């Protein structure tokens, strides 16, 4: 009789272990599906016509920067020190930013990452843009819905005066025009 009870308990424990493992696999599959959906989405930030969220931060030169400061057409780029494609896009971004109408005050470069690593390339950006360094999911990245790097957008005033994304397809090899 005790052998039968031990067998039933063992079978029950095996069924419980199987259930736990199955639930773990289901959870991993859901996470994987979400990652694939994000990877297949061409958008790395807000889409054209979407409003820029509110934010408040400081640039590296100590100036306050908020959503309202983006009133005129502004070139906004998000880079990460851990992003290999960012390195490839930076020279084109720097050339485009130098020619962007309105100059440095209408260009914003946001470096997202660990502050210890984020000083990467900041000096290059400083000549052509206001520069913000922030951690992942910082105020500016969140306001622009950044999900991938590099993200280069142009914003402009929306119908109600709130900045909106006017394009997320910035051709960095073409001359900058307003």
Protein backbone atom coordinates (compact mmCIF):
# COMPACT_ATOMS: atom_id res chain seq x y z
CA UNK A 1 0.00 0.00 0.00
CA UNK A 2 2.81 2.41 0.84
CA UNK A 3 4.37 1.73 -2.56
CA UNK A 4 1.07 2.70 -4.21
CA UNK A 5 0.86 5.93 -2.15
CA UNK A 6 4.47 6.79 -2.99
CA UNK A 7 3.73 6.14 -6.68
CA UNK A 8 0.67 8.39 -6.61
CA UNK A 9 2.59 11.17 -4.80
CA UNK A 10 5.47 10.85 -7.28
CA UNK A 11 3.06 10.99 -10.23
CA UNK A 12 1.38 14.04 -8.68
CA UNK A 13 4.72 15.79 -8.20
CA UNK A 14 5.72 15.03 -11.78
CA UNK A 15 2.40 16.44 -13.02
CA UNK A 16 2.92 19.57 -10.91
CA UNK A 17 6.47 19.99 -12.25
CA UNK A 18 5.17 19.53 -15.79
CA UNK A 19 2.51 22.18 -15.18
CA UNK A 20 5.07 24.67 -13.83
CA UNK A 21 7.40 24.07 -16.77
CA UNK A 22 4.53 24.41 -19.25
CA UNK A 23 3.48 27.73 -17.71
CA UNK A 24 7.10 28.92 -17.91
CA UNK A 25 7.27 28.01 -21.59
CA UNK A 26 3.97 29.81 -22.27
CA UNK A 27 5.29 32.94 -20.53
CA UNK A 28 8.52 32.82 -22.58
CA UNK A 29 6.58 32.37 -25.82
CA UNK A 30 4.47 35.45 -25.06
CA UNK A 31 7.59 37.52 -24.36
CA UNK A 32 9.20 36.24 -27.54
CA UNK A 33 6.08 37.07 -29.57
CA UNK A 34 6.11 40.64 -28.23
CA UNK A 35 9.80 41.01 -29.08
CA UNK A 36 9.20 39.74 -32.60
CA UNK A 37 6.30 42.14 -33.05
CA UNK A 38 8.52 45.04 -31.99
CA UNK A 39 11.37 43.88 -34.20
CA UNK A 40 9.08 43.64 -37.23
CA UNK A 41 7.69 47.13 -36.65
CA UNK A 42 9.61 49.67 -38.75
CA UNK A 43 8.81 52.42 -36.26
CA UNK A 44 11.36 53.17 -33.60
CA UNK A 45 9.50 56.16 -32.19
CA UNK A 46 6.33 58.21 -32.64
CA UNK A 47 4.71 58.13 -36.07
CA UNK A 48 4.06 61.21 -38.21
CA UNK A 49 1.10 63.15 -36.84
CA UNK A 50 1.52 61.87 -33.28
CA UNK A 51 1.93 64.42 -30.52
CA UNK A 52 5.18 64.68 -28.61
CA UNK A 53 4.57 63.99 -24.94
CA UNK A 54 5.41 66.45 -22.23
CA UNK A 55 8.91 66.40 -20.82
CA UNK A 56 11.30 68.60 -18.91
CA UNK A 57 15.04 68.09 -18.85
CA UNK A 58 18.34 69.94 -19.05
CA UNK A 59 20.79 70.06 -21.91
CA UNK A 60 24.49 69.50 -21.30
CA UNK A 61 25.09 73.25 -21.45
CA UNK A 62 22.68 73.70 -18.53
CA UNK A 63 19.65 75.06 -20.39
CA UNK A 64 16.18 73.85 -19.46
CA UNK A 65 14.37 72.09 -22.26
CA UNK A 66 10.70 71.16 -22.38
CA UNK A 67 8.09 70.12 -24.92
CA UNK A 68 7.09 73.77 -25.49
CA UNK A 69 10.67 74.59 -26.59
CA UNK A 70 10.19 72.46 -29.70
CA UNK A 71 7.70 74.96 -31.15
CA UNK A 72 9.43 75.51 -34.49
CA UNK A 73 10.47 72.71 -36.81
CA UNK A 74 13.13 70.74 -34.97
CA UNK A 75 15.39 67.85 -35.92
CA UNK A 76 15.48 65.33 -33.09
CA UNK A 77 17.74 62.28 -33.01
CA UNK A 78 18.16 59.52 -30.46
CA UNK A 79 21.38 57.52 -30.29
CA UNK A 80 22.73 54.89 -27.95
CA UNK A 81 26.38 54.08 -27.22
CA UNK A 82 25.58 50.37 -27.51
CA UNK A 83 23.97 50.66 -30.94
CA UNK A 84 26.18 49.73 -33.89
CA UNK A 85 23.88 51.30 -36.54
CA UNK A 86 24.08 54.56 -34.56
CA UNK A 87 27.80 54.78 -35.33
CA UNK A 88 27.02 54.42 -39.02
CA UNK A 89 24.33 57.15 -39.00
CA UNK A 90 26.19 59.73 -36.93
CA UNK A 91 28.32 61.23 -39.74
CA UNK A 92 25.21 61.72 -41.92
CA UNK A 93 23.31 63.16 -38.97
CA UNK A 94 26.12 65.63 -38.22
CA UNK A 95 26.24 66.81 -41.86
CA UNK A 96 22.44 67.08 -42.03
CA UNK A 97 22.28 68.94 -38.71
CA UNK A 98 24.90 71.48 -39.84
CA UNK A 99 22.64 72.40 -42.77
CA UNK A 100 19.34 72.21 -40.90
CA UNK A 101 17.52 75.57 -40.99
CA UNK A 102 17.70 77.38 -37.67
CA UNK A 103 21.03 75.88 -36.73
CA UNK A 104 21.95 74.40 -33.39
CA UNK A 105 18.87 75.73 -31.58
CA UNK A 106 16.60 73.66 -33.82
CA UNK A 107 18.51 70.41 -33.53
CA UNK A 108 18.32 68.10 -30.53
CA UNK A 109 20.58 65.08 -30.04
CA UNK A 110 19.63 62.71 -27.24
CA UNK A 111 22.17 60.13 -26.09
CA UNK A 112 20.41 57.35 -24.23
CA UNK A 113 22.31 54.96 -22.02
CA UNK A 114 24.34 54.42 -18.92
CA UNK A 115 25.73 57.84 -17.94
CA UNK A 116 29.22 56.34 -17.66
CA UNK A 117 29.07 55.29 -21.33
CA UNK A 118 26.89 58.12 -22.60
CA UNK A 119 29.72 60.61 -23.04
CA UNK A 120 30.41 58.72 -26.23
CA UNK A 121 30.31 61.10 -29.24
CA UNK A 122 28.75 63.91 -27.19
CA UNK A 123 31.45 66.37 -28.25
CA UNK A 124 30.63 65.67 -31.91
CA UNK A 125 26.97 66.50 -31.31
CA UNK A 126 27.68 69.59 -29.22
CA UNK A 127 28.77 71.68 -32.22
CA UNK A 128 25.55 71.11 -34.16
CA UNK A 129 22.86 70.38 -31.57
CA UNK A 130 21.53 70.87 -28.11
CA UNK A 131 22.56 67.67 -26.36
CA UNK A 132 20.69 65.70 -23.72
CA UNK A 133 22.14 62.64 -22.03
CA UNK A 134 19.63 60.49 -20.23
CA UNK A 135 19.18 56.92 -19.01
CA UNK A 136 16.96 54.42 -20.83
CA UNK A 137 13.31 55.44 -20.59
CA UNK A 138 14.35 59.00 -19.72
CA UNK A 139 11.96 61.94 -20.02
CA UNK A 140 12.71 62.85 -23.64
CA UNK A 141 12.82 59.24 -24.89
CA UNK A 142 9.50 58.53 -23.22
CA UNK A 143 7.92 61.68 -24.67
CA UNK A 144 8.93 60.53 -28.17
CA UNK A 145 8.01 56.88 -27.59
CA UNK A 146 11.50 55.73 -28.54
CA UNK A 147 11.69 51.95 -28.94
CA UNK A 148 14.85 51.59 -31.00
CA UNK A 149 18.04 53.31 -32.08
CA UNK A 150 18.90 55.31 -34.00
CA UNK A 151 15.67 57.28 -34.28
CA UNK A 152 15.70 60.48 -36.29
CA UNK A 153 12.56 62.63 -36.48
CA UNK A 154 11.49 66.09 -37.43
CA UNK A 155 8.87 67.82 -35.32
CA UNK A 156 6.77 70.87 -35.98
CA UNK A 157 3.86 72.67 -34.40
CA UNK A 158 0.58 70.76 -34.52
CA UNK A 159 -2.83 72.31 -35.14
CA UNK A 160 -3.20 73.15 -31.46
CA UNK A 161 0.40 74.33 -31.08
CA UNK A 162 1.60 71.13 -29.43
CA UNK A 163 4.61 69.68 -31.25
CA UNK A 164 3.91 66.71 -33.48
CA UNK A 165 6.18 64.46 -35.47
CA UNK A 166 6.11 65.68 -39.07
CA UNK A 167 8.36 62.94 -40.44
CA UNK A 168 10.15 59.86 -39.19
CA UNK A 169 11.75 59.21 -42.56
CA UNK A 170 14.61 61.69 -42.48
CA UNK A 171 16.98 61.12 -45.37
CA UNK A 172 20.27 62.09 -43.79
CA UNK A 173 22.06 61.96 -47.12
CA UNK A 174 19.77 64.60 -48.69
CA UNK A 175 20.27 68.33 -48.14
CA UNK A 176 18.34 69.68 -45.14
CA UNK A 177 15.34 71.80 -46.05
CA UNK A 178 12.64 73.29 -43.91
